[in-house]
Amino acid sequence: MPERLLDSMPKEIRVALGQFRDPSDDMLTYIAQLGAQDFQMNNAGFPGDKQWEYEDLLAARKKAEKHGLRLMSLENVPNSFFDKVMLGEPGRDEQIAHMQNTIRNMGRAGIPILGIHWMPSSVWSTNPPAKRRGGSVARRFNIAEHDPDELTFGRVITDEEMWDNFKYYMERILPVAEEFGVTFAVHPDDPPVPQLGGVARIFRNFEGFKRMTDTFDSPNLGLNFCIGCWSEMGGRENVLRGIRYFAPRGKLIYIHFRDVEGTADNFTECYIDEGNLENKLEIMLALKENGFNSFLIDDHVPHMIDDTRWGHRGRAYAIGYLSALIDVVNKMPALSKVNGVPA
């Protein structure tokens, strides 16, 4: 099997930025000013209504390099690229052929990771948003405030149907990813409840991801380990269980490091120093001790006063906090020695 592009990248825990579409000069300058070298484009605004082209992908990577940065990952192709695949509808083979082209083009352009999801009914939130400390605004979800009889696609789609469609997809795109060195990172269902709009959410728990990695034991398929979603699934013990199982097996491709207050059916997103996980240092240390050596992003953050729509202020706070956690876990052996405590 050809070498993964990811294998040539740095092997250390480090911060990156993401959740934006356009790598403008100002955005890339901001990333560098925060001390990061890596970034990820989410729902990237490349041309094309069926696939992404090599020339556009290569131009984005070269632009990153001019700023001294690495374009590590693209996350979430448009749903229109694979909606028929997720639903098992006619036309899915044509969409898969275009996705195979996108993967080839990513590999040729030197972009190592494609973050994917399996949510045809998308991410759900509940309005109005929540108020956090100082009047800041954050996303929330409460299933009790949504219509339990709503059917996004006019019918119920079961767990096994969603699994069969996922297997059909992976059987056809994973060999292409392996050939061209691209690695898939699968995000949990958000929110990770059994179903939304009548559509089963198969990546809602530990068992779903274990089934995925057991079925497709490939170094080119792993998890986008969203700590916020895993916190919703079952709090501290669930997050640590996921890290301790998947990290030593090399299945944590990158991390969304955030948290929530509450559970999958009723939660509010919060600042990085709040949430179900009271000891974020414990989580960062678990990542390091279990062999995680890739990048993490802050993901969602509360919207602060005079912030931009993307959240420059909120993200700067989160990135500073995460950078400090990484610095501490990297220096813990030396700190223990200085203080006379065995490392």
Protein backbone atom coordinates (compact mmCIF):
# COMPACT_ATOMS: atom_id res chain seq x y z
CA MET A 1 0.00 0.00 0.00
CA PRO A 2 1.41 3.47 -0.89
CA GLU A 3 2.48 5.71 1.98
CA ARG A 4 -0.16 7.99 3.42
CA LEU A 5 0.47 11.69 2.91
CA LEU A 6 -0.25 12.01 6.62
CA ASP A 7 2.81 9.93 7.47
CA SER A 8 5.13 12.67 6.20
CA MET A 9 3.57 15.28 8.52
CA PRO A 10 4.83 16.26 12.00
CA LYS A 11 4.22 13.71 14.75
CA GLU A 12 3.25 15.86 17.72
CA ILE A 13 0.19 17.29 19.43
CA ARG A 14 -0.31 20.80 18.10
CA VAL A 15 -3.01 23.40 17.55
CA ALA A 16 -4.55 24.23 14.21
CA LEU A 17 -7.42 26.42 13.09
CA GLY A 18 -10.45 25.46 11.08
CA GLN A 19 -14.17 26.00 10.51
CA PHE A 20 -13.70 28.47 7.63
CA ARG A 21 -14.15 28.24 3.86
CA ASP A 22 -11.87 30.87 2.37
CA PRO A 23 -8.10 30.93 3.05
CA SER A 24 -7.78 34.68 2.60
CA ASP A 25 -4.47 36.42 3.21
CA ASP A 26 -5.91 37.95 6.39
CA MET A 27 -7.07 34.56 7.68
CA LEU A 28 -3.73 32.91 7.01
CA THR A 29 -1.92 35.81 8.66
CA TYR A 30 -4.18 35.46 11.71
CA ILE A 31 -3.40 31.73 11.95
CA ALA A 32 0.32 32.44 11.88
CA GLN A 33 -0.06 35.18 14.51
CA LEU A 34 -1.69 32.67 16.86
CA GLY A 35 1.37 30.47 16.58
CA ALA A 36 -0.20 27.66 14.55
CA GLN A 37 1.25 26.15 11.39
CA ASP A 38 -1.69 23.97 10.35
CA PHE A 39 -5.21 24.72 9.27
CA GLN A 40 -8.29 22.99 7.96
CA MET A 41 -10.89 24.30 5.52
CA ASN A 42 -14.51 23.41 6.30
CA ASN A 43 -17.12 23.31 3.51
CA ALA A 44 -14.42 24.77 1.30
CA GLY A 45 -15.65 27.17 -1.33
CA PHE A 46 -13.93 25.53 -4.29
CA PRO A 47 -15.65 25.73 -7.69
CA GLY A 48 -17.54 22.70 -8.89
CA ASP A 49 -21.00 21.32 -8.19
CA LYS A 50 -19.99 17.63 -8.38
CA GLN A 51 -16.31 17.39 -7.43
CA TRP A 52 -13.24 19.44 -6.50
CA GLU A 53 -10.57 19.92 -9.16
CA TYR A 54 -6.83 19.38 -8.84
CA GLU A 55 -5.84 22.91 -9.90
CA ASP A 56 -8.02 24.53 -7.22
CA LEU A 57 -6.76 22.20 -4.50
CA LEU A 58 -3.13 22.70 -5.49
CA ALA A 59 -3.54 26.49 -5.52
CA ALA A 60 -4.94 26.41 -1.95
CA ARG A 61 -2.05 24.29 -0.72
CA LYS A 62 0.54 26.51 -2.40
CA LYS A 63 -1.07 29.62 -0.96
CA ALA A 64 -0.78 28.10 2.51
CA GLU A 65 2.90 27.38 1.95
CA LYS A 66 3.56 30.99 0.93
CA HIS A 67 2.37 31.94 4.42
CA GLY A 68 4.54 29.28 6.04
CA LEU A 69 1.49 27.12 6.81
CA ARG A 70 0.26 23.62 6.03
CA LEU A 71 -3.20 22.89 4.61
CA MET A 72 -3.69 19.67 6.58
CA SER A 73 -7.30 18.85 5.91
CA LEU A 74 -10.50 19.58 4.07
CA GLU A 75 -13.62 18.88 6.10
CA ASN A 76 -17.08 18.25 4.67
CA VAL A 77 -17.65 18.22 0.95
CA PRO A 78 -21.05 19.71 0.04
CA ASN A 79 -23.91 17.34 0.84
CA SER A 80 -24.89 17.53 -2.84
CA PHE A 81 -21.67 15.60 -3.61
CA PHE A 82 -22.94 12.49 -1.78
CA ASP A 83 -26.53 12.90 -0.60
CA LYS A 84 -27.77 10.12 -2.89
CA VAL A 85 -25.03 7.87 -1.53
CA MET A 86 -26.07 8.46 2.08
CA LEU A 87 -29.69 7.71 1.21
CA GLY A 88 -29.01 4.81 -1.18
CA GLU A 89 -30.86 6.52 -4.00
CA PRO A 90 -30.49 6.23 -7.79
CA GLY A 91 -27.56 8.31 -8.97
CA ARG A 92 -25.30 7.30 -6.09
CA ASP A 93 -22.78 5.55 -8.36
CA GLU A 94 -22.31 8.75 -10.36
CA GLN A 95 -21.72 10.69 -7.14
CA ILE A 96 -19.23 8.06 -5.98
CA ALA A 97 -17.31 8.35 -9.26
CA HIS A 98 -17.02 12.11 -8.72
CA MET A 99 -15.94 11.58 -5.09
CA GLN A 100 -13.26 9.20 -6.30
CA ASN A 101 -12.03 12.01 -8.55
CA THR A 102 -12.03 14.47 -5.65
CA ILE A 103 -9.97 12.05 -3.56
CA ARG A 104 -7.49 11.51 -6.41
CA ASN A 105 -7.19 15.26 -6.86
CA MET A 106 -6.58 15.78 -3.14
CA GLY A 107 -3.83 13.18 -3.15
CA ARG A 108 -2.18 14.65 -6.23
CA ALA A 109 -2.37 18.13 -4.66
CA GLY A 110 -0.74 16.90 -1.44
CA ILE A 111 -3.66 17.46 0.96
CA PRO A 112 -3.56 14.50 3.37
CA ILE A 113 -6.94 14.38 5.18
CA LEU A 114 -10.61 14.52 4.20
CA GLY A 115 -12.99 14.96 7.14
CA ILE A 116 -16.36 13.35 6.41
CA HIS A 117 -19.71 12.82 8.12
CA TRP A 118 -22.72 10.55 7.64
CA MET A 119 -25.61 12.89 8.44
CA PRO A 120 -28.05 13.32 5.54
CA SER A 121 -30.35 15.19 7.94
CA SER A 122 -27.38 17.44 8.84
CA VAL A 123 -26.46 19.14 12.14
CA TRP A 124 -29.42 20.30 14.23
CA SER A 125 -29.52 23.23 16.64
CA THR A 126 -32.32 24.75 18.71
CA ASN A 127 -33.24 28.42 18.58
CA PRO A 128 -32.89 30.82 20.19
CA PRO A 129 -29.22 30.23 21.07
CA ALA A 130 -28.11 30.01 24.68
CA LYS A 131 -26.67 32.88 26.71
CA ARG A 132 -23.35 32.14 28.37
CA ARG A 133 -21.24 34.16 30.78
CA GLY A 134 -21.21 37.90 30.23
CA GLY A 135 -24.04 37.60 27.71
CA SER A 136 -22.01 35.71 25.11
CA VAL A 137 -24.02 33.52 22.73
CA ALA A 138 -23.61 29.79 22.12
CA ARG A 139 -25.29 26.99 20.21
CA ARG A 140 -27.70 24.70 22.03
CA PHE A 141 -29.86 21.68 21.26
CA ASN A 142 -32.93 20.37 23.06
CA ILE A 143 -34.73 17.51 21.37
CA ALA A 144 -37.90 18.24 23.35
CA GLU A 145 -38.30 21.49 21.39
CA HIS A 146 -38.35 19.70 18.00
CA ASP A 147 -41.22 17.86 16.34
CA PRO A 148 -40.77 14.12 17.11
CA ASP A 149 -42.82 13.20 14.02
CA GLU A 150 -40.81 15.26 11.54
CA LEU A 151 -39.47 13.22 8.61
CA THR A 152 -36.69 15.02 6.76
CA PHE A 153 -37.02 12.77 3.72
CA GLY A 154 -40.64 11.70 4.11
CA ARG A 155 -39.80 8.28 5.50
CA VAL A 156 -37.94 6.45 8.28
CA ILE A 157 -34.38 5.37 7.46
CA THR A 158 -33.11 2.65 9.80
CA ASP A 159 -29.72 1.99 11.35
CA GLU A 160 -29.08 -0.98 9.07
CA GLU A 161 -30.02 0.96 5.96
CA MET A 162 -27.58 3.71 6.93
CA TRP A 163 -24.89 1.09 7.66
CA ASP A 164 -25.45 -0.64 4.34
CA ASN A 165 -25.13 2.68 2.52
CA PHE A 166 -21.96 3.56 4.43
CA LYS A 167 -20.39 0.19 3.60
CA TYR A 168 -21.32 0.59 -0.06
CA TYR A 169 -19.58 3.99 -0.05
CA MET A 170 -16.43 2.90 1.79
CA GLU A 171 -15.98 -0.19 -0.35
CA ARG A 172 -15.70 2.10 -3.37
CA ILE A 173 -13.83 5.14 -2.09
CA LEU A 174 -11.48 3.70 0.54
CA PRO A 175 -9.33 1.86 -2.04
CA VAL A 176 -8.90 5.14 -3.93
CA ALA A 177 -7.89 6.92 -0.71
CA GLU A 178 -5.35 4.18 -0.01
CA GLU A 179 -3.94 4.45 -3.52
CA PHE A 180 -3.53 8.22 -3.38
CA GLY A 181 -2.48 8.54 0.27
CA VAL A 182 -5.57 10.37 1.57
CA THR A 183 -6.93 9.56 5.04
CA PHE A 184 -10.61 9.84 6.01
CA ALA A 185 -11.62 11.20 9.42
CA VAL A 186 -15.26 10.53 10.36
CA HIS A 187 -17.05 13.03 12.61
CA PRO A 188 -19.65 11.86 15.15
CA ASP A 189 -23.29 12.57 14.51
CA ASP A 190 -24.10 16.02 15.86
CA PRO A 191 -26.14 15.80 17.98
CA PRO A 192 -25.43 12.10 18.68
CA VAL A 193 -28.99 10.94 19.25
CA PRO A 194 -30.51 7.72 17.82
CA GLN A 195 -32.38 9.51 15.02
CA LEU A 196 -33.33 12.94 13.76
CA GLY A 197 -36.02 13.63 11.20
CA GLY A 198 -36.59 9.90 10.95
CA VAL A 199 -32.98 9.25 9.89
CA ALA A 200 -30.83 6.93 12.02
CA ARG A 201 -27.58 8.39 13.38
CA ILE A 202 -25.11 5.49 13.23
CA PHE A 203 -22.07 7.37 14.56
CA ARG A 204 -23.69 8.30 17.84
CA ASN A 205 -21.63 6.16 20.23
CA PHE A 206 -18.50 4.13 20.87
CA GLU A 207 -20.05 1.00 19.38
CA GLY A 208 -20.74 2.72 16.07
CA PHE A 209 -17.14 3.78 15.61
CA LYS A 210 -15.82 0.39 16.71
CA ARG A 211 -18.07 -1.25 14.14
CA MET A 212 -16.61 1.07 11.51
CA THR A 213 -12.98 0.34 12.35
CA ASP A 214 -13.65 -3.40 12.74
CA THR A 215 -15.34 -3.50 9.33
CA PHE A 216 -12.71 -1.39 7.56
CA ASP A 217 -9.34 -2.00 9.20
CA SER A 218 -7.40 0.49 7.11
CA PRO A 219 -4.81 3.09 8.17
CA ASN A 220 -6.64 5.45 5.81
CA LEU A 221 -9.87 5.48 7.83
CA GLY A 222 -10.23 6.82 11.35
CA LEU A 223 -11.99 9.33 13.56
CA ASN A 224 -12.34 13.04 13.70
CA PHE A 225 -12.59 12.75 17.47
CA CYS A 226 -14.96 15.54 18.47
CA ILE A 227 -14.61 15.74 22.24
CA GLY A 228 -17.77 17.83 22.52
CA CYS A 229 -19.87 15.13 20.87
CA TRP A 230 -18.21 12.37 22.90
CA SER A 231 -18.91 14.42 26.03
CA GLU A 232 -22.57 14.60 25.01
CA MET A 233 -22.59 10.81 24.54
CA GLY A 234 -21.53 10.07 28.10
CA GLY A 235 -19.27 12.61 29.78
CA ARG A 236 -15.75 12.09 31.09
CA GLU A 237 -15.74 8.28 31.15
CA ASN A 238 -16.98 8.07 27.58
CA VAL A 239 -14.37 10.54 26.31
CA LEU A 240 -11.56 8.66 28.07
CA ARG A 241 -12.89 5.32 26.84
CA GLY A 242 -12.78 6.57 23.25
CA ILE A 243 -9.27 7.97 23.59
CA ARG A 244 -7.88 4.86 25.31
CA TYR A 245 -9.33 2.52 22.69
CA PHE A 246 -8.85 4.38 19.42
CA ALA A 247 -5.68 6.42 20.00
CA PRO A 248 -3.28 3.49 20.57
CA ARG A 249 -4.66 1.93 17.37
CA GLY A 250 -3.79 5.05 15.37
CA LYS A 251 -7.44 5.81 14.66
CA LEU A 252 -7.63 9.37 16.02
CA ILE A 253 -6.78 11.35 12.89
CA TYR A 254 -7.38 14.76 14.47
CA ILE A 255 -9.35 16.29 17.34
CA HIS A 256 -12.13 18.81 17.77
CA PHE A 257 -11.31 19.96 21.31
CA ARG A 258 -14.39 21.55 22.86
CA ASP A 259 -17.00 20.73 25.48
CA VAL A 260 -20.67 21.11 26.36
CA GLU A 261 -22.90 21.19 29.40
CA GLY A 262 -25.57 18.51 29.24
CA THR A 263 -26.25 15.34 27.30
CA ALA A 264 -26.94 14.39 23.68
CA ASP A 265 -30.64 15.23 23.83
CA ASN A 266 -30.24 18.52 25.74
CA PHE A 267 -26.93 20.40 25.74
CA THR A 268 -25.37 23.83 25.45
CA GLU A 269 -21.95 24.51 23.98
CA CYS A 270 -19.62 26.47 26.22
CA TYR A 271 -16.20 28.00 26.71
CA ILE A 272 -13.20 25.69 26.70
CA ASP A 273 -12.76 26.16 30.48
CA GLU A 274 -16.36 25.05 31.19
CA GLY A 275 -18.44 21.95 30.55
CA ASN A 276 -18.97 18.34 31.51
CA LEU A 277 -15.23 17.67 31.51
CA GLU A 278 -14.02 19.54 34.56
CA ASN A 279 -10.35 18.65 34.05
CA LYS A 280 -9.28 19.45 30.47
CA LEU A 281 -5.66 18.80 31.41
CA GLU A 282 -6.64 15.18 32.14
CA ILE A 283 -8.07 14.87 28.62
CA MET A 284 -5.01 16.38 26.95
CA LEU A 285 -2.74 14.14 29.00
CA ALA A 286 -4.78 11.08 28.02
CA LEU A 287 -4.30 11.99 24.36
CA LYS A 288 -0.54 12.25 24.80
CA GLU A 289 -0.18 9.12 26.93
CA ASN A 290 -2.17 7.07 24.42
CA GLY A 291 -0.05 8.07 21.46
CA PHE A 292 -2.07 10.80 19.76
CA ASN A 293 0.37 12.86 17.69
CA SER A 294 -1.63 15.00 15.29
CA PHE A 295 -3.39 18.37 15.33
CA LEU A 296 -6.44 19.63 17.16
CA ILE A 297 -8.75 22.54 16.47
CA ASP A 298 -11.02 24.51 18.77
CA ASP A 299 -14.14 23.84 16.63
CA HIS A 300 -17.22 25.71 17.99
CA VAL A 301 -16.82 28.64 20.38
CA PRO A 302 -19.24 31.09 22.03
CA HIS A 303 -19.72 34.40 20.25
CA MET A 304 -18.13 37.22 22.25
CA ILE A 305 -18.81 40.96 22.28
CA ASP A 306 -17.79 42.74 19.04
CA ASP A 307 -16.69 39.42 17.59
CA THR A 308 -16.71 38.59 13.90
CA ARG A 309 -19.20 36.10 12.49
CA TRP A 310 -16.42 33.47 12.40
CA GLY A 311 -15.42 34.27 15.97
CA HIS A 312 -11.87 35.63 15.95
CA ARG A 313 -12.08 36.66 19.62
CA GLY A 314 -13.65 33.45 20.88
CA ARG A 315 -11.22 31.33 18.89
CA ALA A 316 -8.19 33.29 20.08
CA TYR A 317 -9.25 32.57 23.67
CA ALA A 318 -9.74 28.86 22.94
CA ILE A 319 -6.49 28.49 20.99
CA GLY A 320 -4.53 30.19 23.78
CA TYR A 321 -6.06 27.84 26.34
CA LEU A 322 -5.36 24.74 24.24
CA SER A 323 -1.81 25.86 23.51
CA ALA A 324 -1.18 26.19 27.24
CA LEU A 325 -2.55 22.69 27.89
CA ILE A 326 -0.27 21.23 25.22
CA ASP A 327 2.70 23.11 26.66
CA VAL A 328 2.00 21.73 30.13
CA VAL A 329 1.61 18.08 29.07
CA ASN A 330 4.78 18.30 26.97
CA LYS A 331 6.72 19.67 29.96
CA MET A 332 5.24 17.48 32.67
CA PRO A 333 8.23 15.08 32.95
CA ALA A 334 10.61 18.02 33.38
CA LEU A 335 8.25 19.74 35.81
CA SER A 336 7.93 16.55 37.84
CA LYS A 337 11.71 16.20 38.02
CA VAL A 338 12.14 19.80 39.17
CA ASN A 339 9.53 19.30 41.89
CA GLY A 340 10.93 15.97 43.00
CA VAL A 341 7.95 13.95 41.81
CA PRO A 342 8.52 10.86 39.66
CA ALA A 343 7.41 11.46 36.06
